[in-house]
């Protein structure tokens, strides 16, 4: 379903019920339809997936760091180390990576905690993604041992270039088939 974020007419019951946009109302209708299907099926939520994902179009998650030397001011250099917009969540980054790789957004996504860090697994081990700002080698090994087809991390999650090279080496040894990416 695609719905513009159109405002509801304030005179309508939907607006009086607190739905300020047609998109909000549409999401609630989908939730109610899912609950009804679940009730009528006699199955549990574990047995029947009635969930959905709602997306909105936004600007890129990545900062525009493509500046010439003349356009760059010394005081701005530290703010350019991340390359990721500050208000973006890990899920925002994951969705962008999935789109860049041409993956369907309907694929199952599981959020897991490994070595005290949030890691997403898409379609079992098709993609492993960790967008924490600090990643230790024990976590990298744990992910590599699962042998995902693709793995992605934040570039600024590594304290140094040497640490990033070590991550590449861990994947070469434990999961040579994994396509490794940093953003």
N, C-alpha and C. Protein backbone atom coordinates (compact mmCIF):
# COMPACT_ATOMS: atom_id res chain seq x y z
N UNK A 1 0.85 -1.17 0.00
CA UNK A 1 0.00 0.00 0.00
C UNK A 1 0.89 1.24 0.00
N UNK A 2 0.53 2.22 -0.75
CA UNK A 2 1.25 3.48 -0.77
C UNK A 2 0.24 4.57 -0.45
N UNK A 3 0.59 5.41 0.50
CA UNK A 3 -0.32 6.47 0.92
C UNK A 3 0.48 7.72 1.21
N UNK A 4 0.10 8.81 0.57
CA UNK A 4 0.71 10.09 0.90
C UNK A 4 0.28 10.49 2.30
N UNK A 5 1.08 11.28 2.97
CA UNK A 5 0.76 11.71 4.33
C UNK A 5 -0.24 12.86 4.30
N UNK A 6 -1.37 12.60 3.69
CA UNK A 6 -2.42 13.60 3.52
C UNK A 6 -3.19 13.80 4.83
N UNK A 7 -3.46 15.03 5.16
CA UNK A 7 -4.20 15.35 6.40
C UNK A 7 -5.65 14.88 6.27
N UNK A 8 -6.21 14.42 7.39
CA UNK A 8 -7.62 14.05 7.39
C UNK A 8 -8.47 15.31 7.56
N UNK A 9 -9.64 15.26 7.01
CA UNK A 9 -10.59 16.37 7.14
C UNK A 9 -11.00 16.45 8.60
N UNK A 10 -10.83 17.61 9.23
CA UNK A 10 -11.13 17.74 10.67
C UNK A 10 -12.59 17.42 11.01
N UNK A 11 -13.47 17.46 10.03
CA UNK A 11 -14.89 17.19 10.29
C UNK A 11 -15.19 15.69 10.33
N UNK A 12 -14.29 14.86 9.83
CA UNK A 12 -14.54 13.42 9.76
C UNK A 12 -14.30 12.74 11.10
N UNK A 13 -14.95 11.60 11.29
CA UNK A 13 -14.81 10.81 12.52
C UNK A 13 -13.36 10.39 12.75
N UNK A 14 -12.63 10.10 11.67
CA UNK A 14 -11.23 9.68 11.80
C UNK A 14 -10.40 10.76 12.49
N UNK A 15 -10.59 11.99 12.08
CA UNK A 15 -9.85 13.10 12.69
C UNK A 15 -10.27 13.27 14.15
N UNK A 16 -11.57 13.13 14.41
CA UNK A 16 -12.07 13.25 15.79
C UNK A 16 -11.54 12.12 16.67
N UNK A 17 -11.24 10.97 16.06
CA UNK A 17 -10.69 9.84 16.80
C UNK A 17 -9.18 9.96 17.00
N UNK A 18 -8.56 11.01 16.46
CA UNK A 18 -7.14 11.24 16.69
C UNK A 18 -6.22 10.92 15.53
N UNK A 19 -6.78 10.53 14.38
CA UNK A 19 -5.96 10.22 13.22
C UNK A 19 -5.78 11.49 12.40
N UNK A 20 -4.60 12.06 12.47
CA UNK A 20 -4.37 13.35 11.81
C UNK A 20 -4.06 13.21 10.32
N UNK A 21 -3.65 12.01 9.89
CA UNK A 21 -3.38 11.80 8.47
C UNK A 21 -4.06 10.53 7.99
N UNK A 22 -4.27 10.46 6.67
CA UNK A 22 -4.84 9.26 6.05
C UNK A 22 -3.89 8.07 6.27
N UNK A 23 -2.58 8.32 6.26
CA UNK A 23 -1.59 7.25 6.46
C UNK A 23 -1.75 6.64 7.86
N UNK A 24 -1.94 7.46 8.90
CA UNK A 24 -2.17 6.94 10.26
C UNK A 24 -3.41 6.07 10.29
N UNK A 25 -4.47 6.54 9.69
CA UNK A 25 -5.72 5.80 9.64
C UNK A 25 -5.53 4.48 8.88
N UNK A 26 -4.80 4.52 7.79
CA UNK A 26 -4.55 3.32 6.99
C UNK A 26 -3.78 2.28 7.78
N UNK A 27 -2.77 2.72 8.53
CA UNK A 27 -2.00 1.78 9.36
C UNK A 27 -2.90 1.12 10.41
N UNK A 28 -3.78 1.90 11.01
CA UNK A 28 -4.69 1.34 12.01
C UNK A 28 -5.65 0.34 11.38
N UNK A 29 -6.13 0.62 10.19
CA UNK A 29 -7.02 -0.32 9.49
C UNK A 29 -6.30 -1.64 9.20
N UNK A 30 -5.03 -1.56 8.82
CA UNK A 30 -4.25 -2.78 8.56
C UNK A 30 -4.07 -3.56 9.86
N UNK A 31 -3.78 -2.85 10.97
CA UNK A 31 -3.64 -3.53 12.26
C UNK A 31 -4.93 -4.27 12.63
N UNK A 32 -6.06 -3.59 12.49
CA UNK A 32 -7.35 -4.20 12.84
C UNK A 32 -7.67 -5.39 11.93
N UNK A 33 -7.39 -5.26 10.66
CA UNK A 33 -7.62 -6.38 9.74
C UNK A 33 -6.75 -7.57 10.12
N UNK A 34 -5.50 -7.30 10.50
CA UNK A 34 -4.60 -8.37 10.92
C UNK A 34 -5.11 -9.07 12.17
N UNK A 35 -5.57 -8.28 13.15
CA UNK A 35 -6.12 -8.88 14.38
C UNK A 35 -7.35 -9.74 14.07
N UNK A 36 -8.21 -9.26 13.16
CA UNK A 36 -9.41 -10.02 12.80
C UNK A 36 -9.03 -11.33 12.11
N UNK A 37 -8.08 -11.27 11.21
CA UNK A 37 -7.60 -12.49 10.52
C UNK A 37 -7.04 -13.47 11.54
N UNK A 38 -6.28 -12.95 12.50
CA UNK A 38 -5.70 -13.80 13.54
C UNK A 38 -6.79 -14.46 14.38
N UNK A 39 -7.79 -13.68 14.79
CA UNK A 39 -8.90 -14.23 15.58
C UNK A 39 -9.65 -15.31 14.81
N UNK A 40 -9.95 -15.04 13.55
CA UNK A 40 -10.73 -15.98 12.74
C UNK A 40 -9.94 -17.25 12.42
N UNK A 41 -8.62 -17.13 12.37
CA UNK A 41 -7.81 -18.31 12.04
C UNK A 41 -7.64 -19.25 13.22
N UNK A 42 -7.78 -18.71 14.43
CA UNK A 42 -7.56 -19.52 15.62
C UNK A 42 -6.08 -19.78 15.90
N UNK A 43 -5.21 -19.11 15.18
CA UNK A 43 -3.77 -19.29 15.36
C UNK A 43 -3.21 -18.18 16.25
N UNK A 44 -1.98 -18.39 16.71
CA UNK A 44 -1.32 -17.37 17.52
C UNK A 44 -0.46 -16.48 16.61
N UNK A 45 0.02 -15.39 17.19
CA UNK A 45 0.90 -14.49 16.42
C UNK A 45 2.20 -15.16 16.02
N UNK A 46 2.62 -16.19 16.77
CA UNK A 46 3.83 -16.94 16.41
C UNK A 46 3.60 -17.80 15.18
N UNK A 47 2.35 -18.20 14.96
CA UNK A 47 2.03 -19.09 13.84
C UNK A 47 1.63 -18.35 12.58
N UNK A 48 1.14 -17.12 12.73
CA UNK A 48 0.63 -16.37 11.59
C UNK A 48 1.16 -14.94 11.65
N UNK A 49 1.91 -14.56 10.65
CA UNK A 49 2.50 -13.23 10.59
C UNK A 49 1.45 -12.24 10.09
N UNK A 50 1.05 -11.32 10.95
CA UNK A 50 0.09 -10.29 10.55
C UNK A 50 0.74 -8.91 10.60
N UNK A 51 2.04 -8.90 10.73
CA UNK A 51 2.76 -7.63 10.84
C UNK A 51 2.95 -6.94 9.51
N UNK A 52 3.38 -5.71 9.58
CA UNK A 52 3.69 -4.93 8.38
C UNK A 52 4.73 -3.89 8.76
N UNK A 53 5.34 -3.33 7.76
CA UNK A 53 6.32 -2.26 7.97
C UNK A 53 5.82 -1.01 7.27
N UNK A 54 6.01 0.10 7.92
CA UNK A 54 5.62 1.39 7.34
C UNK A 54 6.90 2.20 7.11
N UNK A 55 7.04 2.72 5.92
CA UNK A 55 8.22 3.50 5.56
C UNK A 55 7.80 4.90 5.15
N UNK A 56 8.74 5.80 5.27
CA UNK A 56 8.52 7.15 4.75
C UNK A 56 9.74 7.54 3.93
N UNK A 57 9.51 8.34 2.94
CA UNK A 57 10.62 8.80 2.10
C UNK A 57 11.32 9.93 2.83
N UNK A 58 12.63 9.86 2.85
CA UNK A 58 13.43 10.84 3.55
C UNK A 58 14.72 11.05 2.78
N UNK A 59 15.52 11.95 3.25
CA UNK A 59 16.83 12.16 2.63
C UNK A 59 17.74 10.99 2.99
N UNK A 60 18.88 10.96 2.37
CA UNK A 60 19.85 9.88 2.61
C UNK A 60 20.28 9.87 4.07
N UNK A 61 20.67 8.70 4.54
CA UNK A 61 21.20 8.56 5.90
C UNK A 61 22.64 9.06 5.97
N UNK A 62 23.22 9.28 4.84
CA UNK A 62 24.63 9.66 4.80
C UNK A 62 24.79 11.18 4.65
N UNK A 63 25.77 11.70 5.35
CA UNK A 63 26.09 13.12 5.25
C UNK A 63 26.72 13.42 3.90
N UNK A 64 26.52 14.62 3.42
CA UNK A 64 27.19 15.05 2.20
C UNK A 64 28.58 15.54 2.60
N UNK A 65 29.56 14.67 2.43
CA UNK A 65 30.94 15.01 2.81
C UNK A 65 31.80 15.32 1.58
N UNK A 66 31.19 15.37 0.44
CA UNK A 66 31.91 15.65 -0.80
C UNK A 66 32.15 17.15 -0.93
N UNK A 67 33.19 17.63 -0.31
CA UNK A 67 33.52 19.05 -0.36
C UNK A 67 34.96 19.20 -0.83
N UNK A 68 35.18 20.28 -1.52
CA UNK A 68 36.56 20.56 -1.94
C UNK A 68 37.33 21.10 -0.74
N UNK A 69 38.63 21.14 -0.87
CA UNK A 69 39.47 21.66 0.22
C UNK A 69 39.12 23.11 0.54
N UNK A 70 38.77 23.88 -0.49
CA UNK A 70 38.42 25.29 -0.27
C UNK A 70 37.11 25.44 0.50
N UNK A 71 36.21 24.47 0.36
CA UNK A 71 34.91 24.53 1.05
C UNK A 71 34.97 24.00 2.47
N UNK A 72 36.05 23.33 2.83
CA UNK A 72 36.16 22.69 4.13
C UNK A 72 36.85 23.63 5.12
N UNK A 73 36.25 23.74 6.28
CA UNK A 73 36.80 24.57 7.35
C UNK A 73 37.38 23.63 8.40
N UNK A 74 38.51 23.99 8.97
CA UNK A 74 39.20 23.15 9.95
C UNK A 74 38.26 22.70 11.07
N UNK A 75 37.42 23.59 11.56
CA UNK A 75 36.54 23.25 12.69
C UNK A 75 35.46 22.24 12.31
N UNK A 76 35.23 22.03 11.02
CA UNK A 76 34.21 21.06 10.56
C UNK A 76 34.76 19.65 10.40
N UNK A 77 36.07 19.47 10.44
CA UNK A 77 36.67 18.17 10.14
C UNK A 77 36.20 17.05 11.07
N UNK A 78 36.11 17.32 12.36
CA UNK A 78 35.69 16.27 13.29
C UNK A 78 34.25 15.84 13.06
N UNK A 79 33.41 16.76 12.62
CA UNK A 79 32.00 16.40 12.38
C UNK A 79 31.85 15.55 11.12
N UNK A 80 32.88 15.45 10.30
CA UNK A 80 32.81 14.67 9.07
C UNK A 80 33.36 13.26 9.22
N UNK A 81 33.78 12.86 10.42
CA UNK A 81 34.38 11.54 10.58
C UNK A 81 33.37 10.42 10.44
N UNK A 82 32.13 10.64 10.82
CA UNK A 82 31.13 9.57 10.77
C UNK A 82 30.59 9.36 9.38
N UNK A 83 30.14 10.39 8.73
CA UNK A 83 29.54 10.25 7.41
C UNK A 83 28.07 9.84 7.47
N UNK A 84 27.52 9.70 8.68
CA UNK A 84 26.12 9.30 8.86
C UNK A 84 25.38 10.41 9.57
N UNK A 85 24.18 10.72 9.09
CA UNK A 85 23.35 11.73 9.74
C UNK A 85 23.14 11.36 11.21
N UNK A 86 23.20 12.33 12.09
CA UNK A 86 23.15 12.05 13.53
C UNK A 86 21.78 11.56 14.01
N UNK A 87 20.71 11.88 13.33
CA UNK A 87 19.38 11.49 13.81
C UNK A 87 18.90 10.15 13.24
N UNK A 88 19.77 9.37 12.65
CA UNK A 88 19.38 8.10 12.04
C UNK A 88 19.55 6.94 13.01
N UNK A 89 18.61 6.00 12.94
CA UNK A 89 18.67 4.81 13.78
C UNK A 89 19.38 3.69 13.03
N UNK A 90 19.71 2.64 13.76
CA UNK A 90 20.31 1.47 13.13
C UNK A 90 19.37 0.86 12.11
N UNK A 91 18.09 0.87 12.41
CA UNK A 91 17.11 0.32 11.47
C UNK A 91 17.05 1.17 10.19
N UNK A 92 17.17 2.49 10.32
CA UNK A 92 17.24 3.36 9.15
C UNK A 92 18.41 2.96 8.25
N UNK A 93 19.56 2.74 8.88
CA UNK A 93 20.76 2.37 8.12
C UNK A 93 20.59 1.01 7.46
N UNK A 94 19.99 0.07 8.18
CA UNK A 94 19.78 -1.26 7.63
C UNK A 94 18.87 -1.21 6.40
N UNK A 95 17.80 -0.46 6.48
CA UNK A 95 16.87 -0.36 5.35
C UNK A 95 17.57 0.24 4.14
N UNK A 96 18.39 1.27 4.35
CA UNK A 96 19.11 1.86 3.23
C UNK A 96 20.08 0.86 2.61
N UNK A 97 20.79 0.10 3.44
CA UNK A 97 21.72 -0.91 2.93
C UNK A 97 20.96 -1.97 2.14
N UNK A 98 19.80 -2.40 2.66
CA UNK A 98 18.99 -3.38 1.94
C UNK A 98 18.57 -2.85 0.58
N UNK A 99 18.16 -1.59 0.53
CA UNK A 99 17.77 -0.99 -0.75
C UNK A 99 18.95 -0.92 -1.71
N UNK A 100 20.12 -0.54 -1.19
CA UNK A 100 21.32 -0.46 -2.04
C UNK A 100 21.71 -1.81 -2.59
N UNK A 101 21.48 -2.88 -1.83
CA UNK A 101 21.81 -4.22 -2.28
C UNK A 101 20.68 -4.85 -3.08
N UNK A 102 19.58 -4.14 -3.25
CA UNK A 102 18.46 -4.66 -4.04
C UNK A 102 17.67 -5.74 -3.32
N UNK A 103 17.69 -5.74 -2.00
CA UNK A 103 16.95 -6.73 -1.23
C UNK A 103 15.51 -6.26 -0.99
N UNK A 104 14.60 -7.19 -0.95
CA UNK A 104 13.21 -6.87 -0.68
C UNK A 104 13.04 -6.42 0.76
N UNK A 105 12.28 -5.37 0.97
CA UNK A 105 12.07 -4.86 2.32
C UNK A 105 11.11 -5.73 3.13
N UNK A 106 10.52 -6.72 2.48
CA UNK A 106 9.62 -7.63 3.19
C UNK A 106 10.37 -8.83 3.80
N UNK A 107 11.66 -8.93 3.57
CA UNK A 107 12.44 -10.04 4.15
C UNK A 107 12.40 -9.97 5.68
N UNK A 108 12.42 -11.11 6.33
CA UNK A 108 12.39 -11.10 7.80
C UNK A 108 13.67 -10.52 8.37
N UNK A 109 13.50 -9.68 9.39
CA UNK A 109 14.62 -9.04 10.08
C UNK A 109 14.53 -9.42 11.55
N UNK A 110 15.63 -9.94 12.07
CA UNK A 110 15.69 -10.31 13.49
C UNK A 110 16.75 -9.45 14.15
N UNK A 111 16.38 -8.83 15.25
CA UNK A 111 17.32 -8.02 16.04
C UNK A 111 17.85 -8.91 17.15
N UNK A 112 19.18 -8.99 17.28
CA UNK A 112 19.79 -9.87 18.27
C UNK A 112 20.81 -9.08 19.08
N UNK A 113 21.18 -9.60 20.22
CA UNK A 113 22.20 -9.00 21.05
C UNK A 113 23.39 -9.95 21.09
N UNK A 114 24.49 -9.54 20.49
CA UNK A 114 25.72 -10.35 20.49
C UNK A 114 26.82 -9.53 21.14
N UNK A 115 27.48 -10.11 22.10
CA UNK A 115 28.59 -9.44 22.79
C UNK A 115 28.19 -8.05 23.28
N UNK A 116 26.93 -7.92 23.71
CA UNK A 116 26.45 -6.64 24.22
C UNK A 116 26.17 -5.59 23.16
N UNK A 117 26.10 -6.00 21.91
CA UNK A 117 25.85 -5.05 20.81
C UNK A 117 24.62 -5.49 20.01
N UNK A 118 23.92 -4.52 19.46
CA UNK A 118 22.75 -4.79 18.62
C UNK A 118 23.20 -5.21 17.22
N UNK A 119 22.72 -6.38 16.79
CA UNK A 119 23.06 -6.89 15.47
C UNK A 119 21.76 -7.33 14.80
N UNK A 120 21.60 -6.95 13.53
CA UNK A 120 20.43 -7.35 12.75
C UNK A 120 20.82 -8.48 11.82
N UNK A 121 19.92 -9.45 11.68
CA UNK A 121 20.09 -10.52 10.72
C UNK A 121 18.89 -10.50 9.79
N UNK A 122 19.15 -10.38 8.51
CA UNK A 122 18.10 -10.32 7.50
C UNK A 122 18.04 -11.67 6.81
N UNK A 123 16.81 -12.23 6.72
CA UNK A 123 16.60 -13.51 6.04
C UNK A 123 17.60 -14.55 6.54
N UNK A 124 17.55 -14.79 7.84
CA UNK A 124 18.48 -15.66 8.55
C UNK A 124 19.88 -15.06 8.49
N UNK A 125 20.74 -15.59 7.64
CA UNK A 125 22.10 -15.06 7.58
C UNK A 125 22.45 -14.49 6.21
N UNK A 126 21.44 -13.98 5.51
CA UNK A 126 21.72 -13.33 4.22
C UNK A 126 22.50 -12.04 4.45
N UNK A 127 22.13 -11.32 5.53
CA UNK A 127 22.84 -10.09 5.89
C UNK A 127 22.98 -10.05 7.41
N UNK A 128 24.17 -9.71 7.87
CA UNK A 128 24.41 -9.42 9.28
C UNK A 128 24.85 -7.96 9.33
N UNK A 129 24.19 -7.17 10.16
CA UNK A 129 24.49 -5.74 10.21
C UNK A 129 24.62 -5.26 11.64
N UNK A 130 25.71 -4.58 11.92
CA UNK A 130 25.92 -3.97 13.22
C UNK A 130 26.32 -2.52 12.99
N UNK A 131 25.50 -1.62 13.50
CA UNK A 131 25.76 -0.19 13.29
C UNK A 131 26.12 0.51 14.60
N UNK A 132 26.65 -0.25 15.55
CA UNK A 132 27.11 0.34 16.80
C UNK A 132 28.32 1.22 16.52
N UNK A 133 28.53 2.20 17.38
CA UNK A 133 29.65 3.13 17.16
C UNK A 133 30.99 2.56 17.61
N UNK A 134 30.96 1.40 18.25
CA UNK A 134 32.18 0.74 18.67
C UNK A 134 31.97 -0.77 18.54
N UNK A 135 32.86 -1.42 17.82
CA UNK A 135 32.73 -2.86 17.58
C UNK A 135 34.06 -3.52 17.94
N UNK A 136 33.98 -4.53 18.81
CA UNK A 136 35.17 -5.27 19.22
C UNK A 136 35.35 -6.51 18.36
N UNK A 137 36.56 -7.03 18.34
CA UNK A 137 36.86 -8.20 17.50
C UNK A 137 36.10 -9.45 17.93
N UNK A 138 35.75 -9.58 19.22
CA UNK A 138 34.98 -10.76 19.64
C UNK A 138 33.61 -10.77 18.98
N UNK A 139 33.00 -9.62 18.83
CA UNK A 139 31.72 -9.53 18.13
C UNK A 139 31.90 -9.86 16.66
N UNK A 140 32.93 -9.34 16.05
CA UNK A 140 33.21 -9.60 14.64
C UNK A 140 33.39 -11.10 14.42
N UNK A 141 34.12 -11.76 15.30
CA UNK A 141 34.31 -13.22 15.18
C UNK A 141 32.99 -13.96 15.30
N UNK A 142 32.15 -13.54 16.26
CA UNK A 142 30.86 -14.19 16.46
C UNK A 142 29.99 -14.06 15.21
N UNK A 143 30.01 -12.89 14.59
CA UNK A 143 29.23 -12.69 13.36
C UNK A 143 29.84 -13.52 12.23
N UNK A 144 31.15 -13.47 12.08
CA UNK A 144 31.82 -14.21 11.00
C UNK A 144 31.60 -15.72 11.12
N UNK A 145 31.53 -16.23 12.34
CA UNK A 145 31.29 -17.67 12.53
C UNK A 145 29.92 -18.11 12.01
N UNK A 146 28.97 -17.18 11.94
CA UNK A 146 27.65 -17.50 11.39
C UNK A 146 27.68 -17.56 9.86
N UNK A 147 28.76 -17.09 9.27
CA UNK A 147 29.00 -17.10 7.83
C UNK A 147 27.85 -16.47 7.02
N UNK A 148 27.55 -15.21 7.32
CA UNK A 148 26.51 -14.54 6.53
C UNK A 148 26.99 -14.30 5.10
N UNK A 149 26.04 -14.16 4.19
CA UNK A 149 26.42 -13.84 2.81
C UNK A 149 27.01 -12.45 2.72
N UNK A 150 26.45 -11.53 3.54
CA UNK A 150 26.92 -10.15 3.57
C UNK A 150 26.99 -9.68 5.02
N UNK A 151 27.94 -8.81 5.31
CA UNK A 151 28.05 -8.20 6.64
C UNK A 151 28.36 -6.73 6.44
N UNK A 152 27.78 -5.91 7.30
CA UNK A 152 27.99 -4.47 7.17
C UNK A 152 28.16 -3.85 8.56
N UNK A 153 29.10 -2.89 8.62
CA UNK A 153 29.40 -2.17 9.85
C UNK A 153 29.54 -0.69 9.52
N UNK A 154 29.52 0.12 10.56
CA UNK A 154 29.83 1.55 10.40
C UNK A 154 31.35 1.68 10.25
N UNK A 155 31.78 2.57 9.40
CA UNK A 155 33.21 2.79 9.22
C UNK A 155 33.84 3.36 10.48
N UNK A 156 33.10 4.23 11.17
CA UNK A 156 33.67 4.85 12.37
C UNK A 156 33.56 3.96 13.61
N UNK A 157 33.11 2.71 13.44
CA UNK A 157 33.03 1.77 14.56
C UNK A 157 34.40 1.23 14.93
N UNK A 158 35.35 1.44 14.07
CA UNK A 158 36.70 0.91 14.29
C UNK A 158 37.62 2.05 14.70
N UNK A 159 38.39 1.81 15.75
CA UNK A 159 39.25 2.85 16.32
C UNK A 159 40.37 3.27 15.38
N UNK A 160 40.76 2.36 14.48
CA UNK A 160 41.88 2.68 13.59
C UNK A 160 41.75 1.88 12.30
N UNK A 161 42.55 2.25 11.32
CA UNK A 161 42.59 1.50 10.06
C UNK A 161 43.08 0.07 10.31
N UNK A 162 44.02 -0.07 11.23
CA UNK A 162 44.54 -1.40 11.54
C UNK A 162 43.43 -2.30 12.09
N UNK A 163 42.56 -1.74 12.93
CA UNK A 163 41.45 -2.51 13.48
C UNK A 163 40.49 -2.94 12.36
N UNK A 164 40.25 -2.05 11.44
CA UNK A 164 39.37 -2.39 10.31
C UNK A 164 40.00 -3.49 9.45
N UNK A 165 41.28 -3.42 9.22
CA UNK A 165 41.98 -4.46 8.46
C UNK A 165 41.88 -5.79 9.20
N UNK A 166 41.97 -5.76 10.53
CA UNK A 166 41.81 -6.99 11.32
C UNK A 166 40.43 -7.60 11.12
N UNK A 167 39.41 -6.77 11.02
CA UNK A 167 38.05 -7.25 10.78
C UNK A 167 37.99 -7.96 9.43
N UNK A 168 38.58 -7.36 8.43
CA UNK A 168 38.60 -7.99 7.10
C UNK A 168 39.32 -9.34 7.17
N UNK A 169 40.40 -9.40 7.93
CA UNK A 169 41.15 -10.65 8.06
C UNK A 169 40.33 -11.73 8.78
N UNK A 170 39.59 -11.34 9.82
CA UNK A 170 38.74 -12.29 10.54
C UNK A 170 37.73 -12.90 9.58
N UNK A 171 37.12 -12.08 8.75
CA UNK A 171 36.15 -12.61 7.79
C UNK A 171 36.82 -13.47 6.73
N UNK A 172 38.03 -13.11 6.29
CA UNK A 172 38.74 -13.95 5.32
C UNK A 172 39.00 -15.34 5.88
N UNK A 173 39.32 -15.41 7.17
CA UNK A 173 39.63 -16.69 7.80
C UNK A 173 38.39 -17.50 8.14
N UNK A 174 37.37 -16.86 8.72
CA UNK A 174 36.20 -17.59 9.22
C UNK A 174 35.05 -17.68 8.23
N UNK A 175 34.96 -16.74 7.33
CA UNK A 175 33.84 -16.72 6.38
C UNK A 175 34.27 -16.05 5.08
N UNK A 176 35.11 -16.72 4.31
CA UNK A 176 35.65 -16.10 3.10
C UNK A 176 34.61 -15.74 2.05
N UNK A 177 33.42 -16.32 2.13
CA UNK A 177 32.39 -16.03 1.14
C UNK A 177 31.59 -14.76 1.46
N UNK A 178 31.76 -14.23 2.66
CA UNK A 178 31.00 -13.05 3.08
C UNK A 178 31.48 -11.80 2.35
N UNK A 179 30.52 -11.08 1.80
CA UNK A 179 30.77 -9.78 1.18
C UNK A 179 30.73 -8.76 2.32
N UNK A 180 31.88 -8.16 2.65
CA UNK A 180 32.00 -7.23 3.78
C UNK A 180 31.90 -5.80 3.28
N UNK A 181 31.10 -5.00 4.00
CA UNK A 181 30.90 -3.60 3.61
C UNK A 181 30.94 -2.73 4.86
N UNK A 182 31.50 -1.54 4.73
CA UNK A 182 31.43 -0.54 5.79
C UNK A 182 30.83 0.72 5.19
N UNK A 183 30.02 1.38 6.02
CA UNK A 183 29.39 2.63 5.54
C UNK A 183 29.78 3.77 6.44
